[in-house]
Protein backbone atom coordinates (compact mmCIF):
# COMPACT_ATOMS: atom_id res chain seq x y z
CA UNK A 1 -4.70 2.90 -6.28
CA UNK A 2 -2.23 0.07 -6.71
CA UNK A 3 -3.32 -3.42 -5.73
CA UNK A 4 0.27 -4.64 -5.61
CA UNK A 5 1.55 -2.14 -3.07
CA UNK A 6 1.38 -2.84 0.63
CA UNK A 7 1.88 0.73 1.90
CA UNK A 8 0.39 4.07 0.88
CA UNK A 9 2.78 6.50 -0.82
CA UNK A 10 2.29 10.24 -1.16
CA UNK A 11 4.47 12.30 -3.47
CA UNK A 12 6.03 15.65 -2.67
CA UNK A 13 3.52 17.83 -4.54
CA UNK A 14 0.49 16.16 -2.95
CA UNK A 15 2.05 16.53 0.49
CA UNK A 16 2.73 20.23 -0.16
CA UNK A 17 -0.99 20.75 -0.93
CA UNK A 18 -2.01 19.47 2.52
CA UNK A 19 -2.61 21.70 5.49
CA UNK A 20 0.72 22.21 7.29
CA UNK A 21 -0.67 20.86 10.57
CA UNK A 22 0.19 17.34 9.39
CA UNK A 23 3.31 16.22 11.21
CA UNK A 24 5.82 14.09 9.38
CA UNK A 25 7.44 11.44 11.56
CA UNK A 26 10.84 10.00 10.73
CA UNK A 27 10.98 6.53 9.20
CA UNK A 28 13.77 4.12 8.36
CA UNK A 29 11.50 2.26 5.94
CA UNK A 30 12.76 1.41 2.48
CA UNK A 31 10.07 1.06 -0.18
CA UNK A 32 11.15 -0.55 -3.42
CA UNK A 33 9.07 0.19 -6.50
CA UNK A 34 8.38 -2.82 -8.68
CA UNK A 35 11.43 -3.69 -10.75
CA UNK A 36 13.72 -1.23 -8.97
CA UNK A 37 16.78 -1.97 -6.86
CA UNK A 38 16.88 1.55 -5.41
CA UNK A 39 14.21 2.90 -3.04
CA UNK A 40 13.11 6.53 -3.39
CA UNK A 41 14.14 8.94 -0.62
CA UNK A 42 11.40 9.36 1.97
CA UNK A 43 10.62 12.52 3.91
CA UNK A 44 8.83 10.45 6.55
CA UNK A 45 5.35 9.17 7.37
CA UNK A 46 2.09 10.93 8.19
CA UNK A 47 -1.29 9.76 9.42
CA UNK A 48 -4.20 11.25 7.50
CA UNK A 49 -7.91 10.70 7.07
CA UNK A 50 -8.92 9.49 3.62
CA UNK A 51 -12.52 9.57 2.40
CA UNK A 52 -14.27 7.92 -0.51
CA UNK A 53 -18.03 8.26 -0.71
CA UNK A 54 -19.45 7.36 2.71
CA UNK A 55 -16.28 5.51 3.76
CA UNK A 56 -13.62 7.19 5.87
CA UNK A 57 -10.40 5.72 7.27
CA UNK A 58 -7.36 6.92 9.15
CA UNK A 59 -4.20 5.58 7.48
CA UNK A 60 -0.47 6.11 7.22
CA UNK A 61 1.26 7.45 4.11
CA UNK A 62 4.96 7.30 3.35
CA UNK A 63 5.91 10.73 1.97
CA UNK A 64 8.41 10.67 -0.90
CA UNK A 65 10.94 13.45 -1.45
CA UNK A 66 10.20 13.56 -5.18
CA UNK A 67 7.34 13.22 -7.64
CA UNK A 68 6.51 9.53 -7.50
CA UNK A 69 2.76 9.74 -7.88
CA UNK A 70 0.46 9.19 -4.93
CA UNK A 71 -0.57 5.57 -4.49
CA UNK A 72 -3.27 4.13 -2.28
CA UNK A 73 -2.23 0.66 -1.22
CA UNK A 74 -4.16 -2.56 -1.13
CA UNK A 75 -5.37 -2.48 2.50
CA UNK A 76 -6.55 1.13 2.37
CA UNK A 77 -8.29 0.55 -0.97
CA UNK A 78 -10.12 -2.42 0.47
CA UNK A 79 -11.03 -0.56 3.69
CA UNK A 80 -12.52 2.26 1.60
CA UNK A 81 -14.48 -0.34 -0.39
CA UNK A 82 -12.87 0.76 -3.63
CA UNK A 83 -12.14 -2.89 -4.36
CA UNK A 84 -12.35 -6.25 -2.71
CA UNK A 85 -10.30 -9.39 -2.88
CA UNK A 86 -11.64 -12.89 -3.01
CA UNK A 87 -9.42 -15.18 -1.05
CA UNK A 88 -10.28 -18.74 -1.88
CA UNK A 89 -8.22 -21.75 -0.96
CA UNK A 90 -9.21 -25.15 -2.19
CA UNK A 91 -7.73 -27.69 0.14
CA UNK A 92 -8.74 -30.69 -1.96
CA UNK A 93 -6.66 -29.50 -4.97
CA UNK A 94 -3.67 -28.71 -2.77
CA UNK A 95 -3.86 -32.17 -1.22
CA UNK A 96 -4.07 -33.84 -4.65
CA UNK A 97 -1.02 -31.88 -5.84
CA UNK A 98 0.97 -32.85 -2.77
CA UNK A 99 0.01 -36.49 -3.09
CA UNK A 100 0.91 -36.62 -6.79
CA UNK A 101 4.33 -35.07 -6.10
CA UNK A 102 5.01 -37.66 -3.43
CA UNK A 103 4.57 -40.40 -6.03
CA UNK A 104 7.29 -38.97 -8.29
């Protein structure tokens, strides 16, 4: 699980362990690992069912051509209830900051 990644990534060895009935679809996507200027080569994308406890989701994985490690992205992790995000916006503080900048 990686809370900073938007997509799910599956490495070559994990993909090879799956049942061969999974069809890889072509993708033109470029996924850049943090701090890297070069994206890894992708074999394509697959849709799979992922389970954790009582939760089950259908999600898309980008399949890498090499050993990158398999990463479950933010949205899938949240859907499986492995983690949750608290999204809190405080309008009053944002307004105060804007008003104080206007006085500069």
